Amino acid sequence: FLHVFMFHLLCITHGLKIHGRENLKKYKDELKDGFITVANHICMWDFICIMKALRPRLGYFPAWKTNLEGPNGPLIRMAGGIPIPTGRLACMKKFKDAMEEVLESDKWMHFYPEGSMWFFYPDIRPLKKAVFKYAVRYQKPVIPIALSFRPRTGIYKLFGKTPLVDLHIGEPLLPDETLPFGDAVDKLHAETYHVMQGLA
């Protein structure tokens, strides 16, 4: 469904252009034991854009529980969504266990460290540090991704009014193993934010 339909539809509806896929091939040895991607969150379909950019890999991502309870819930689960629970401590433990299972099994985990979606916001908002604690704790490289926009022109004007999307993949950033945990988190957090701003 993704490869035959959704990925082609993205090119029509969002004019998706992907830049930097060569970084995935260039650093394939560094990424073979799993990695974390981070991106700005700017539209409902931006994770499908990221899946197209990282194809054929399939990843996982934390998603708000309310989103999985809506009409798109089954699709979000199929795309790799892990519900972020609210309230019960037992549910939080299951969520933590699921995240750890992904990170310990050398898979791809995606985060939106801005914490919420702002439709087609042109800048990178401040990033929450929790994401980078996972990266340092499990020694996973972080791939910065930024989505930027260009105006609709020509035939694209027939398929919507929102801007067209460019997706930029940066080079992986590695946690600094020589630093104490907190300092390594701060360094990776700052480096990622700087790179994402440059990509955007």
C-alpha atoms as a PDB file:
ATOM      1  CA  PHE A   1       0.000   0.000   0.000  1.00  0.00           C
ATOM      2  CA  LEU A   2       2.811   2.404   0.914  1.00  0.00           C
ATOM      3  CA  HIS A   3       4.994   1.670  -2.100  1.00  0.00           C
ATOM      4  CA  VAL A   4       2.248   1.228  -4.694  1.00  0.00           C
ATOM      5  CA  PHE A   5      -0.096   4.019  -3.615  1.00  0.00           C
ATOM      6  CA  MET A   6       0.856   6.339  -0.735  1.00  0.00           C
ATOM      7  CA  PHE A   7       4.381   7.243  -1.796  1.00  0.00           C
ATOM      8  CA  HIS A   8       3.227   8.183  -5.299  1.00  0.00           C
ATOM      9  CA  LEU A   9       0.283  10.136  -3.889  1.00  0.00           C
ATOM     10  CA  LEU A  10       2.681  12.196  -1.743  1.00  0.00           C
ATOM     11  CA  CYS A  11       4.516  13.360  -4.841  1.00  0.00           C
ATOM     12  CA  ILE A  12       1.214  14.601  -6.306  1.00  0.00           C
ATOM     13  CA  THR A  13      -0.382  16.147  -3.208  1.00  0.00           C
ATOM     14  CA  HIS A  14       2.760  17.466  -1.468  1.00  0.00           C
ATOM     15  CA  GLY A  15       5.245  17.696  -4.350  1.00  0.00           C
ATOM     16  CA  LEU A  16       7.654  15.820  -2.081  1.00  0.00           C
ATOM     17  CA  LYS A  17      11.344  16.188  -2.905  1.00  0.00           C
ATOM     18  CA  ILE A  18      13.920  14.289  -0.844  1.00  0.00           C
ATOM     19  CA  HIS A  19      17.472  15.556  -0.344  1.00  0.00           C
ATOM     20  CA  GLY A  20      20.364  13.781   1.396  1.00  0.00           C
ATOM     21  CA  ARG A  21      19.453  10.104   0.957  1.00  0.00           C
ATOM     22  CA  GLU A  22      23.108   9.525   0.132  1.00  0.00           C
ATOM     23  CA  ASN A  23      23.844  10.025   3.862  1.00  0.00           C
ATOM     24  CA  LEU A  24      21.952   6.808   4.631  1.00  0.00           C
ATOM     25  CA  LYS A  25      24.188   4.839   2.272  1.00  0.00           C
ATOM     26  CA  LYS A  26      27.367   6.678   3.285  1.00  0.00           C
ATOM     27  CA  TYR A  27      26.851   5.826   6.976  1.00  0.00           C
ATOM     28  CA  LYS A  28      25.184   2.418   6.615  1.00  0.00           C
ATOM     29  CA  ASP A  29      27.733   0.768   8.945  1.00  0.00           C
ATOM     30  CA  GLU A  30      27.015   3.303  11.692  1.00  0.00           C
ATOM     31  CA  LEU A  31      23.257   2.766  11.248  1.00  0.00           C
ATOM     32  CA  LYS A  32      23.166  -1.044  11.065  1.00  0.00           C
ATOM     33  CA  ASP A  33      22.595  -1.442  14.824  1.00  0.00           C
ATOM     34  CA  GLY A  34      19.590   0.867  14.870  1.00  0.00           C
ATOM     35  CA  PHE A  35      19.188   4.619  15.017  1.00  0.00           C
ATOM     36  CA  ILE A  36      16.902   7.481  15.961  1.00  0.00           C
ATOM     37  CA  THR A  37      15.495  10.074  13.570  1.00  0.00           C
ATOM     38  CA  VAL A  38      14.106  13.450  14.602  1.00  0.00           C
ATOM     39  CA  ALA A  39      12.149  15.962  12.516  1.00  0.00           C
ATOM     40  CA  ASN A  40       9.946  19.013  12.742  1.00  0.00           C
ATOM     41  CA  HIS A  41       6.225  18.135  12.835  1.00  0.00           C
ATOM     42  CA  ILE A  42       4.382  20.201  10.222  1.00  0.00           C
ATOM     43  CA  CYS A  43       1.499  18.200   8.698  1.00  0.00           C
ATOM     44  CA  MET A  44      -0.593  15.057   9.109  1.00  0.00           C
ATOM     45  CA  TRP A  45       1.361  13.136   6.492  1.00  0.00           C
ATOM     46  CA  ASP A  46       4.900  14.145   7.393  1.00  0.00           C
ATOM     47  CA  PHE A  47       5.765  10.719   8.850  1.00  0.00           C
ATOM     48  CA  ILE A  48       4.744   9.093   5.557  1.00  0.00           C
ATOM     49  CA  CYS A  49       7.175  11.543   3.889  1.00  0.00           C
ATOM     50  CA  ILE A  50       9.883  10.350   6.292  1.00  0.00           C
ATOM     51  CA  MET A  51       9.022   6.694   5.595  1.00  0.00           C
ATOM     52  CA  LYS A  52       9.464   7.356   1.875  1.00  0.00           C
ATOM     53  CA  ALA A  53      12.828   9.007   2.537  1.00  0.00           C
ATOM     54  CA  LEU A  54      14.076   6.056   4.630  1.00  0.00           C
ATOM     55  CA  ARG A  55      12.518   3.267   2.530  1.00  0.00           C
ATOM     56  CA  PRO A  56      12.698   0.269   2.657  1.00  0.00           C
ATOM     57  CA  ARG A  57      13.168   0.578   6.431  1.00  0.00           C
ATOM     58  CA  LEU A  58      10.085   0.491   8.634  1.00  0.00           C
ATOM     59  CA  GLY A  59      10.235   2.356  11.928  1.00  0.00           C
ATOM     60  CA  TYR A  60       8.320   3.080  15.102  1.00  0.00           C
ATOM     61  CA  PHE A  61       7.283   6.340  16.716  1.00  0.00           C
ATOM     62  CA  PRO A  62       5.445   7.453  19.865  1.00  0.00           C
ATOM     63  CA  ALA A  63       1.993   8.875  19.084  1.00  0.00           C
ATOM     64  CA  TRP A  64      -0.540  10.623  21.299  1.00  0.00           C
ATOM     65  CA  LYS A  65      -3.184   8.203  22.589  1.00  0.00           C
ATOM     66  CA  THR A  66      -6.009  10.463  21.352  1.00  0.00           C
ATOM     67  CA  ASN A  67      -4.692  10.198  17.766  1.00  0.00           C
ATOM     68  CA  LEU A  68      -4.876   6.411  17.900  1.00  0.00           C
ATOM     69  CA  GLU A  69      -8.442   6.574  19.181  1.00  0.00           C
ATOM     70  CA  GLY A  70      -9.565   8.617  16.151  1.00  0.00           C
ATOM     71  CA  PRO A  71     -10.424   7.476  12.627  1.00  0.00           C
ATOM     72  CA  ASN A  72      -6.749   7.365  11.614  1.00  0.00           C
ATOM     73  CA  GLY A  73      -5.832   5.116  14.563  1.00  0.00           C
ATOM     74  CA  PRO A  74      -5.505   1.845  12.592  1.00  0.00           C
ATOM     75  CA  LEU A  75      -3.303   3.551   9.977  1.00  0.00           C
ATOM     76  CA  ILE A  76      -1.098   5.105  12.678  1.00  0.00           C
ATOM     77  CA  ARG A  77      -0.622   1.690  14.287  1.00  0.00           C
ATOM     78  CA  MET A  78       0.227   0.082  10.934  1.00  0.00           C
ATOM     79  CA  ALA A  79       2.786   2.828  10.300  1.00  0.00           C
ATOM     80  CA  GLY A  80       4.517   1.998  13.613  1.00  0.00           C
ATOM     81  CA  GLY A  81       2.742   4.237  16.115  1.00  0.00           C
ATOM     82  CA  ILE A  82       3.251   3.402  19.805  1.00  0.00           C
ATOM     83  CA  PRO A  83       0.537   5.068  21.922  1.00  0.00           C
ATOM     84  CA  ILE A  84       1.709   7.461  24.636  1.00  0.00           C
ATOM     85  CA  PRO A  85      -0.549   6.601  27.581  1.00  0.00           C
ATOM     86  CA  THR A  86      -2.091   9.004  30.054  1.00  0.00           C
ATOM     87  CA  GLY A  87      -2.917   8.385  33.673  1.00  0.00           C
ATOM     88  CA  ARG A  88      -2.177   4.833  34.821  1.00  0.00           C
ATOM     89  CA  LEU A  89       1.385   3.995  35.878  1.00  0.00           C
ATOM     90  CA  ALA A  90       0.986   0.424  34.570  1.00  0.00           C
ATOM     91  CA  CYS A  91       0.342   1.815  31.095  1.00  0.00           C
ATOM     92  CA  MET A  92       3.431   4.029  31.322  1.00  0.00           C
ATOM     93  CA  LYS A  93       5.522   0.965  32.174  1.00  0.00           C
ATOM     94  CA  LYS A  94       4.195  -0.863  29.088  1.00  0.00           C
ATOM     95  CA  PHE A  95       5.029   2.194  26.966  1.00  0.00           C
ATOM     96  CA  LYS A  96       8.560   2.361  28.383  1.00  0.00           C
ATOM     97  CA  ASP A  97       9.024  -1.385  27.779  1.00  0.00           C
ATOM     98  CA  ALA A  98       7.867  -1.017  24.151  1.00  0.00           C
ATOM     99  CA  MET A  99      10.304   1.841  23.528  1.00  0.00           C
ATOM    100  CA  GLU A 100      13.171  -0.105  25.064  1.00  0.00           C
ATOM    101  CA  GLU A 101      12.308  -3.180  22.995  1.00  0.00           C
ATOM    102  CA  VAL A 102      12.602  -1.165  19.775  1.00  0.00           C
ATOM    103  CA  LEU A 103      15.869   0.491  20.781  1.00  0.00           C
ATOM    104  CA  GLU A 104      17.458  -2.728  22.061  1.00  0.00           C
ATOM    105  CA  SER A 105      16.534  -4.705  18.930  1.00  0.00           C
ATOM    106  CA  ASP A 106      18.521  -2.477  16.544  1.00  0.00           C
ATOM    107  CA  LYS A 107      15.481  -0.942  14.857  1.00  0.00           C
ATOM    108  CA  TRP A 108      14.597   2.561  13.739  1.00  0.00           C
ATOM    109  CA  MET A 109      12.764   4.865  16.167  1.00  0.00           C
ATOM    110  CA  HIS A 110      11.412   8.267  15.130  1.00  0.00           C
ATOM    111  CA  PHE A 111      10.627  11.214  17.419  1.00  0.00           C
ATOM    112  CA  TYR A 112       9.075  14.638  16.984  1.00  0.00           C
ATOM    113  CA  PRO A 113      11.072  16.447  19.687  1.00  0.00           C
ATOM    114  CA  GLU A 114       9.143  19.698  19.230  1.00  0.00           C
ATOM    115  CA  GLY A 115       6.302  17.878  21.000  1.00  0.00           C
ATOM    116  CA  SER A 116       3.349  19.012  18.868  1.00  0.00           C
ATOM    117  CA  MET A 117       2.349  19.725  15.272  1.00  0.00           C
ATOM    118  CA  TRP A 118       2.232  23.295  13.916  1.00  0.00           C
ATOM    119  CA  PHE A 119       0.932  23.252  10.354  1.00  0.00           C
ATOM    120  CA  PHE A 120       3.645  24.362   7.898  1.00  0.00           C
ATOM    121  CA  TYR A 121       5.570  26.374  10.497  1.00  0.00           C
ATOM    122  CA  PRO A 122       8.734  27.525   8.669  1.00  0.00           C
ATOM    123  CA  ASP A 123      11.253  27.384  11.541  1.00  0.00           C
ATOM    124  CA  ILE A 124      12.497  24.685  13.930  1.00  0.00           C
ATOM    125  CA  ARG A 125      10.941  25.067  17.373  1.00  0.00           C
ATOM    126  CA  PRO A 126      12.832  24.215  20.612  1.00  0.00           C
ATOM    127  CA  LEU A 127      13.491  20.495  21.023  1.00  0.00           C
ATOM    128  CA  LYS A 128      12.675  18.542  24.172  1.00  0.00           C
ATOM    129  CA  LYS A 129      15.663  16.763  25.724  1.00  0.00           C
ATOM    130  CA  ALA A 130      13.965  13.433  26.526  1.00  0.00           C
ATOM    131  CA  VAL A 131      14.653  12.173  22.990  1.00  0.00           C
ATOM    132  CA  PHE A 132      18.371  12.706  23.392  1.00  0.00           C
ATOM    133  CA  LYS A 133      18.418  10.868  26.712  1.00  0.00           C
ATOM    134  CA  TYR A 134      17.265   7.777  24.809  1.00  0.00           C
ATOM    135  CA  ALA A 135      20.001   8.286  22.205  1.00  0.00           C
ATOM    136  CA  VAL A 136      22.755   8.598  24.825  1.00  0.00           C
ATOM    137  CA  ARG A 137      21.445   5.801  27.052  1.00  0.00           C
ATOM    138  CA  TYR A 138      21.275   3.320  24.174  1.00  0.00           C
ATOM    139  CA  GLN A 139      24.205   4.797  22.213  1.00  0.00           C
ATOM    140  CA  LYS A 140      22.177   5.303  19.042  1.00  0.00           C
ATOM    141  CA  PRO A 141      23.103   7.740  16.281  1.00  0.00           C
ATOM    142  CA  VAL A 142      20.614  10.549  15.676  1.00  0.00           C
ATOM    143  CA  ILE A 143      19.713  11.468  12.093  1.00  0.00           C
ATOM    144  CA  PRO A 144      18.427  15.059  11.902  1.00  0.00           C
ATOM    145  CA  ILE A 145      15.645  15.587   9.363  1.00  0.00           C
ATOM    146  CA  ALA A 146      14.046  18.907   8.479  1.00  0.00           C
ATOM    147  CA  LEU A 147      11.030  19.654   6.317  1.00  0.00           C
ATOM    148  CA  SER A 148      10.973  22.969   4.468  1.00  0.00           C
ATOM    149  CA  PHE A 149       8.552  24.416   1.945  1.00  0.00           C
ATOM    150  CA  ARG A 150       8.255  25.998  -1.461  1.00  0.00           C
ATOM    151  CA  PRO A 151       5.248  27.666  -3.111  1.00  0.00           C
ATOM    152  CA  ARG A 152       2.863  25.751  -5.353  1.00  0.00           C
ATOM    153  CA  THR A 153       3.382  26.371  -9.043  1.00  0.00           C
ATOM    154  CA  GLY A 154       2.031  24.967 -12.292  1.00  0.00           C
ATOM    155  CA  ILE A 155      -0.022  21.787 -12.122  1.00  0.00           C
ATOM    156  CA  TYR A 156       0.474  21.473  -8.342  1.00  0.00           C
ATOM    157  CA  LYS A 157      -2.047  24.293  -7.890  1.00  0.00           C
ATOM    158  CA  LEU A 158      -4.742  21.798  -8.878  1.00  0.00           C
ATOM    159  CA  PHE A 159      -4.022  19.496  -5.906  1.00  0.00           C
ATOM    160  CA  GLY A 160      -4.170  21.824  -2.897  1.00  0.00           C
ATOM    161  CA  LYS A 161      -3.284  25.172  -1.408  1.00  0.00           C
ATOM    162  CA  THR A 162      -0.674  24.249   1.202  1.00  0.00           C
ATOM    163  CA  PRO A 163       3.050  24.673   0.371  1.00  0.00           C
ATOM    164  CA  LEU A 164       5.004  21.893  -1.324  1.00  0.00           C
ATOM    165  CA  VAL A 165       7.431  19.920   0.850  1.00  0.00           C
ATOM    166  CA  ASP A 166      11.202  19.423   0.700  1.00  0.00           C
ATOM    167  CA  LEU A 167      12.673  16.827   3.077  1.00  0.00           C
ATOM    168  CA  HIS A 168      16.341  17.142   4.039  1.00  0.00           C
ATOM    169  CA  ILE A 169      18.319  14.287   5.638  1.00  0.00           C
ATOM    170  CA  GLY A 170      21.413  15.306   7.591  1.00  0.00           C
ATOM    171  CA  GLU A 171      24.456  13.254   8.516  1.00  0.00           C
ATOM    172  CA  PRO A 172      24.120  11.078  11.648  1.00  0.00           C
ATOM    173  CA  LEU A 173      25.212  12.623  14.944  1.00  0.00           C
ATOM    174  CA  LEU A 174      26.810  10.281  17.479  1.00  0.00           C
ATOM    175  CA  PRO A 175      26.569  10.615  21.263  1.00  0.00           C
ATOM    176  CA  ASP A 176      29.861  11.680  22.836  1.00  0.00           C
ATOM    177  CA  GLU A 177      30.929   8.690  24.955  1.00  0.00           C
ATOM    178  CA  THR A 178      33.705  10.685  26.645  1.00  0.00           C
ATOM    179  CA  LEU A 179      31.239  12.971  28.458  1.00  0.00           C
ATOM    180  CA  PRO A 180      29.088  12.327  31.546  1.00  0.00           C
ATOM    181  CA  PHE A 181      25.503  11.390  30.709  1.00  0.00           C
ATOM    182  CA  GLY A 182      23.950  14.832  31.244  1.00  0.00           C
ATOM    183  CA  ASP A 183      26.672  16.654  29.321  1.00  0.00           C
ATOM    184  CA  ALA A 184      26.425  14.177  26.431  1.00  0.00           C
ATOM    185  CA  VAL A 185      22.645  14.764  26.278  1.00  0.00           C
ATOM    186  CA  ASP A 186      23.119  18.550  26.253  1.00  0.00           C
ATOM    187  CA  LYS A 187      25.748  18.369  23.507  1.00  0.00           C
ATOM    188  CA  LEU A 188      23.683  16.071  21.260  1.00  0.00           C
ATOM    189  CA  HIS A 189      20.579  18.208  21.846  1.00  0.00           C
ATOM    190  CA  ALA A 190      22.391  21.424  20.847  1.00  0.00           C
ATOM    191  CA  GLU A 191      24.118  19.866  17.818  1.00  0.00           C
ATOM    192  CA  THR A 192      20.881  18.383  16.497  1.00  0.00           C
ATOM    193  CA  TYR A 193      18.980  21.647  16.838  1.00  0.00           C
ATOM    194  CA  HIS A 194      21.737  23.551  15.023  1.00  0.00           C
ATOM    195  CA  VAL A 195      21.847  21.033  12.160  1.00  0.00           C
ATOM    196  CA  MET A 196      18.043  20.963  11.789  1.00  0.00           C
ATOM    197  CA  GLN A 197      17.937  24.750  11.561  1.00  0.00           C
ATOM    198  CA  GLY A 198      20.582  24.661   8.838  1.00  0.00           C
ATOM    199  CA  LEU A 199      18.716  21.966   6.902  1.00  0.00           C
ATOM    200  CA  ALA A 200      15.430  23.868   7.113  1.00  0.00           C
END
